[in-house]
Protein backbone atom coordinates (compact mmCIF):
# COMPACT_ATOMS: atom_id res chain seq x y z
CA MET A 1 -19.18 -62.80 136.64
CA LYS A 2 -15.56 -63.51 137.48
CA THR A 3 -14.31 -65.13 140.65
CA PRO A 4 -13.67 -62.43 143.26
CA THR A 5 -10.07 -62.01 144.38
CA THR A 6 -8.43 -59.92 147.07
CA GLY A 7 -7.05 -56.64 145.81
CA THR A 8 -9.43 -56.29 142.88
CA PRO A 9 -12.75 -54.44 142.91
CA VAL A 10 -15.82 -56.52 143.81
CA ARG A 11 -19.51 -55.73 144.15
CA GLY A 12 -19.83 -53.01 146.76
CA SER A 13 -16.11 -52.27 147.05
CA THR A 14 -13.44 -50.71 144.93
CA THR A 15 -10.67 -51.75 147.33
CA GLY A 16 -11.02 -55.52 147.15
CA ARG A 17 -10.36 -55.93 150.86
CA PRO A 18 -10.62 -59.56 151.99
CA ILE A 19 -13.89 -59.07 153.92
CA MET A 20 -15.52 -57.46 150.89
CA VAL A 21 -14.29 -60.23 148.61
CA ALA A 22 -15.67 -62.84 151.00
CA LEU A 23 -19.05 -61.07 151.25
CA ASP A 24 -19.24 -60.80 147.46
CA LEU A 25 -18.52 -64.51 147.04
CA LEU A 26 -20.90 -65.63 149.80
CA GLY A 27 -23.63 -63.30 148.56
CA ARG A 28 -23.79 -64.95 145.17
CA ARG A 29 -26.85 -67.04 144.43
CA ALA A 30 -26.63 -70.55 145.91
CA ALA A 31 -23.09 -70.12 147.32
CA LEU A 32 -24.12 -70.37 150.97
CA ARG A 33 -26.55 -73.18 150.19
CA ILE A 34 -23.75 -75.21 148.58
CA LEU A 35 -21.49 -74.69 151.58
CA TRP A 36 -24.32 -75.62 153.93
CA GLU A 37 -25.13 -78.83 152.05
CA LEU A 38 -21.47 -79.86 152.15
CA ARG A 39 -21.17 -79.45 155.93
CA GLY A 40 -21.35 -83.24 156.29
CA GLU A 41 -20.24 -85.94 153.92
CA PRO A 42 -18.96 -85.26 150.38
CA LEU A 43 -21.64 -85.11 147.69
CA THR A 44 -21.51 -85.91 144.00
CA PHE A 45 -22.55 -83.25 141.51
CA ARG A 46 -26.00 -84.80 141.09
CA ALA A 47 -26.57 -85.24 144.81
CA LEU A 48 -25.50 -81.65 145.41
CA GLN A 49 -27.72 -80.43 142.59
CA GLN A 50 -30.68 -82.21 144.15
CA ALA A 51 -29.86 -81.00 147.68
CA CYS A 52 -29.52 -77.39 146.51
CA ASP A 53 -32.44 -77.60 144.08
CA SER A 54 -30.24 -75.81 141.55
CA ASN A 55 -29.81 -75.94 137.80
CA PRO A 56 -26.59 -77.52 136.49
CA SER A 57 -25.24 -74.32 134.93
CA LEU A 58 -25.52 -72.26 138.12
CA LEU A 59 -24.15 -75.09 140.24
CA ASN A 60 -21.17 -75.54 137.91
CA THR A 61 -20.40 -71.82 138.08
CA ARG A 62 -20.56 -71.69 141.89
CA LEU A 63 -18.53 -74.87 142.31
CA LYS A 64 -15.85 -73.42 140.04
CA GLU A 65 -15.75 -70.21 142.07
CA LEU A 66 -15.75 -71.95 145.45
CA ARG A 67 -12.98 -74.30 144.32
CA ALA A 68 -10.93 -71.41 142.87
CA THR A 69 -11.13 -69.58 146.20
CA GLY A 70 -10.10 -72.68 148.14
CA LEU A 71 -13.35 -73.29 150.01
CA LEU A 72 -14.17 -76.57 148.27
CA GLU A 73 -12.30 -79.61 147.03
CA HIS A 74 -13.27 -82.33 144.61
CA ALA A 75 -11.99 -85.82 145.34
CA ASP A 76 -13.21 -89.39 145.56
CA GLY A 77 -16.78 -89.30 146.73
CA GLY A 78 -17.52 -85.87 145.28
CA TYR A 79 -17.29 -82.31 146.50
CA ARG A 80 -16.39 -81.48 150.07
CA LEU A 81 -15.37 -78.51 152.17
CA SER A 82 -11.66 -77.79 152.30
CA ALA A 83 -9.97 -76.92 155.59
CA SER A 84 -10.64 -73.26 154.76
CA GLY A 85 -14.29 -74.03 154.04
CA ARG A 86 -14.65 -75.77 157.40
CA GLN A 87 -13.05 -72.75 159.09
CA LEU A 88 -15.59 -70.52 157.37
CA LEU A 89 -18.51 -72.57 158.70
CA THR A 90 -16.97 -72.46 162.18
CA ALA A 91 -16.65 -68.68 161.90
CA MET A 92 -20.30 -68.45 160.83
CA GLN A 93 -21.55 -70.51 163.82
CA PRO A 94 -22.24 -67.40 165.97
CA LEU A 95 -24.41 -65.99 163.17
CA TYR A 96 -26.25 -69.31 162.95
CA ASP A 97 -26.81 -69.29 166.73
CA TRP A 98 -28.07 -65.71 166.60
CA ALA A 99 -30.48 -66.56 163.78
CA GLU A 100 -31.89 -69.48 165.78
CA GLN A 101 -32.51 -67.19 168.76
CA TRP A 102 -33.90 -64.47 166.53
CA GLN A 103 -36.42 -66.85 164.94
CA GLY A 104 -37.55 -67.84 168.41
CA GLY A 105 -37.88 -64.21 169.45
CA ASP A 106 -35.18 -64.61 172.07
CA VAL A 107 -32.54 -62.16 170.88
CA PRO A 108 -30.23 -60.92 173.62
CA PRO A 109 -30.03 -57.11 173.86
CA ALA A 110 -27.24 -55.41 171.95
CA ARG A 111 -24.21 -54.33 173.94
CA PRO A 112 -23.51 -50.59 174.08
């Protein structure tokens, strides 16, 4: 599977609009887990593999894709979120908050 890029067809979209490209990338196996595990300090490949409970081949593929799209960086200390990756996690915070409420059965009513 190739790295999704804006303007080219992706799973679920022939237009390649940015939102569809992002959803394709984030919907790939282990992509969100990798981003989640890197929300703190940088992790080496082995530490990330252990944290994600992933096989090396899959992890390598996802790291390559996430680096190619600018969400991750690799530097001293291992892999870490780029500025764009940190912005993504910030943008996803409302979804996280909703999920926490939803699990507790305390979902606010939808607005008309």
